[in-house]
């Protein structure tokens, strides 16, 4: 039986309406305003590493 992932919302996005949450398994992302809606399968850990290293700084 598949397990339902737990979700983490950034502490920096508590007061905004445009937030994403990441599954504790770090393989899915979802819109925090629509928790029963679709999820995006993604390799979140490498994405976070790329963000932290400045790969997306413009």
N, C-alpha and C. Protein backbone atom coordinates (compact mmCIF):
# COMPACT_ATOMS: atom_id res chain seq x y z
N UNK A 1 0.83 -1.17 0.00
CA UNK A 1 0.00 0.00 0.00
C UNK A 1 0.88 1.24 0.00
N UNK A 2 0.64 2.19 -0.93
CA UNK A 2 1.47 3.40 -0.99
C UNK A 2 1.23 4.28 0.24
N UNK A 3 2.29 4.94 0.65
CA UNK A 3 2.16 5.84 1.80
C UNK A 3 1.99 7.27 1.30
N UNK A 4 1.28 8.06 2.06
CA UNK A 4 1.09 9.46 1.74
C UNK A 4 2.28 10.25 2.29
N UNK A 5 2.95 11.02 1.44
CA UNK A 5 4.11 11.76 1.93
C UNK A 5 3.71 12.89 2.86
N UNK A 6 4.59 13.24 3.75
CA UNK A 6 4.42 14.44 4.56
C UNK A 6 4.99 15.60 3.75
N UNK A 7 4.49 16.79 4.00
CA UNK A 7 4.87 17.96 3.22
C UNK A 7 5.49 19.03 4.10
N UNK A 8 6.47 19.75 3.53
CA UNK A 8 7.18 20.81 4.22
C UNK A 8 6.96 22.11 3.45
N UNK A 9 6.57 23.14 4.16
CA UNK A 9 6.42 24.47 3.58
C UNK A 9 7.53 25.35 4.13
N UNK A 10 8.14 26.14 3.30
CA UNK A 10 9.21 27.02 3.74
C UNK A 10 8.74 27.96 4.84
N UNK A 11 9.57 28.14 5.84
CA UNK A 11 9.23 29.08 6.90
C UNK A 11 9.23 30.51 6.39
N UNK A 12 9.89 30.75 5.29
CA UNK A 12 9.93 32.09 4.70
C UNK A 12 8.66 32.44 3.95
N UNK A 13 7.79 31.49 3.71
CA UNK A 13 6.59 31.74 2.93
C UNK A 13 5.31 31.69 3.76
N UNK A 14 5.41 31.85 5.05
CA UNK A 14 4.23 31.76 5.91
C UNK A 14 3.18 32.83 5.64
N UNK A 15 3.57 34.01 5.24
CA UNK A 15 2.62 35.10 5.08
C UNK A 15 2.29 35.42 3.62
N UNK A 16 2.63 34.54 2.71
CA UNK A 16 2.32 34.79 1.31
C UNK A 16 1.33 33.76 0.81
N UNK A 17 0.68 34.09 -0.30
CA UNK A 17 -0.29 33.15 -0.86
C UNK A 17 0.29 32.33 -2.00
N UNK A 18 1.51 32.58 -2.38
CA UNK A 18 2.13 31.85 -3.48
C UNK A 18 3.26 30.99 -2.95
N UNK A 19 2.91 29.82 -2.46
CA UNK A 19 3.90 28.96 -1.82
C UNK A 19 3.91 27.58 -2.46
N UNK A 20 5.03 26.94 -2.37
CA UNK A 20 5.12 25.55 -2.75
C UNK A 20 5.55 24.76 -1.53
N UNK A 21 5.23 23.49 -1.56
CA UNK A 21 5.65 22.58 -0.50
C UNK A 21 6.43 21.45 -1.15
N UNK A 22 7.33 20.87 -0.39
CA UNK A 22 8.12 19.75 -0.87
C UNK A 22 7.82 18.54 0.02
N UNK A 23 7.73 17.39 -0.62
CA UNK A 23 7.50 16.15 0.14
C UNK A 23 8.75 15.82 0.94
N UNK A 24 8.55 15.21 2.09
CA UNK A 24 9.70 14.84 2.92
C UNK A 24 10.57 13.79 2.24
N UNK A 25 10.06 13.16 1.20
CA UNK A 25 10.85 12.21 0.41
C UNK A 25 11.70 12.92 -0.64
N UNK A 26 11.53 14.24 -0.76
CA UNK A 26 12.27 15.09 -1.71
C UNK A 26 12.15 14.63 -3.15
N UNK A 27 10.96 14.14 -3.52
CA UNK A 27 10.75 13.75 -4.92
C UNK A 27 9.47 14.32 -5.51
N UNK A 28 8.78 15.19 -4.75
CA UNK A 28 7.55 15.82 -5.24
C UNK A 28 7.44 17.24 -4.71
N UNK A 29 6.78 18.08 -5.52
CA UNK A 29 6.49 19.47 -5.16
C UNK A 29 5.00 19.68 -5.41
N UNK A 30 4.35 20.51 -4.58
CA UNK A 30 2.94 20.83 -4.82
C UNK A 30 2.66 22.28 -4.43
N UNK A 31 1.53 22.77 -4.90
CA UNK A 31 1.05 24.11 -4.57
C UNK A 31 0.40 24.04 -3.19
N UNK A 32 0.87 24.84 -2.25
CA UNK A 32 0.34 24.77 -0.89
C UNK A 32 -1.11 25.22 -0.80
N UNK A 33 -1.58 25.99 -1.79
CA UNK A 33 -2.97 26.42 -1.79
C UNK A 33 -3.91 25.31 -2.24
N UNK A 34 -3.37 24.26 -2.86
CA UNK A 34 -4.18 23.18 -3.40
C UNK A 34 -3.59 21.84 -2.98
N UNK A 35 -3.65 21.50 -1.70
CA UNK A 35 -2.98 20.29 -1.21
C UNK A 35 -3.54 18.98 -1.77
N UNK A 36 -4.75 19.00 -2.29
CA UNK A 36 -5.30 17.78 -2.89
C UNK A 36 -5.12 17.77 -4.40
N UNK A 37 -4.52 18.80 -4.94
CA UNK A 37 -4.31 18.91 -6.38
C UNK A 37 -3.12 18.10 -6.84
N UNK A 38 -2.72 18.34 -8.08
CA UNK A 38 -1.61 17.57 -8.65
C UNK A 38 -0.27 17.90 -8.01
N UNK A 39 0.65 16.98 -8.14
CA UNK A 39 2.01 17.19 -7.66
C UNK A 39 2.96 17.09 -8.85
N UNK A 40 4.10 17.67 -8.70
CA UNK A 40 5.14 17.62 -9.72
C UNK A 40 6.25 16.72 -9.22
N UNK A 41 6.52 15.65 -9.95
CA UNK A 41 7.63 14.77 -9.61
C UNK A 41 8.92 15.50 -9.99
N UNK A 42 9.84 15.59 -9.06
CA UNK A 42 11.08 16.32 -9.31
C UNK A 42 12.18 15.81 -8.39
N UNK A 43 13.39 15.90 -8.86
CA UNK A 43 14.55 15.58 -8.03
C UNK A 43 14.87 16.84 -7.23
N UNK A 44 14.24 16.98 -6.08
CA UNK A 44 14.30 18.21 -5.31
C UNK A 44 15.68 18.46 -4.71
N UNK A 45 16.33 17.44 -4.19
CA UNK A 45 17.64 17.64 -3.54
C UNK A 45 18.65 18.27 -4.50
N UNK A 46 18.83 17.77 -5.73
CA UNK A 46 19.76 18.45 -6.65
C UNK A 46 19.30 19.86 -7.01
N UNK A 47 17.99 20.08 -7.08
CA UNK A 47 17.49 21.42 -7.37
C UNK A 47 17.87 22.38 -6.25
N UNK A 48 17.69 21.97 -5.02
CA UNK A 48 18.07 22.81 -3.88
C UNK A 48 19.57 23.10 -3.89
N UNK A 49 20.37 22.10 -4.20
CA UNK A 49 21.83 22.30 -4.27
C UNK A 49 22.18 23.32 -5.35
N UNK A 50 21.52 23.23 -6.50
CA UNK A 50 21.78 24.18 -7.59
C UNK A 50 21.39 25.59 -7.19
N UNK A 51 20.26 25.73 -6.52
CA UNK A 51 19.83 27.05 -6.07
C UNK A 51 20.83 27.63 -5.08
N UNK A 52 21.25 26.82 -4.11
CA UNK A 52 22.19 27.30 -3.09
C UNK A 52 23.54 27.66 -3.69
N UNK A 53 23.94 26.97 -4.76
CA UNK A 53 25.23 27.26 -5.35
C UNK A 53 25.20 28.45 -6.32
N UNK A 54 24.01 29.01 -6.55
CA UNK A 54 23.90 30.20 -7.39
C UNK A 54 23.69 29.92 -8.85
N UNK A 55 23.36 28.70 -9.22
CA UNK A 55 23.17 28.36 -10.64
C UNK A 55 22.08 29.19 -11.33
N UNK A 56 21.14 29.72 -10.57
CA UNK A 56 20.03 30.44 -11.15
C UNK A 56 20.12 31.94 -10.91
N UNK A 57 21.22 32.39 -10.34
CA UNK A 57 21.40 33.83 -10.13
C UNK A 57 21.58 34.50 -11.49
N UNK A 58 20.87 35.54 -11.70
CA UNK A 58 20.91 36.17 -13.00
C UNK A 58 21.64 37.44 -13.00
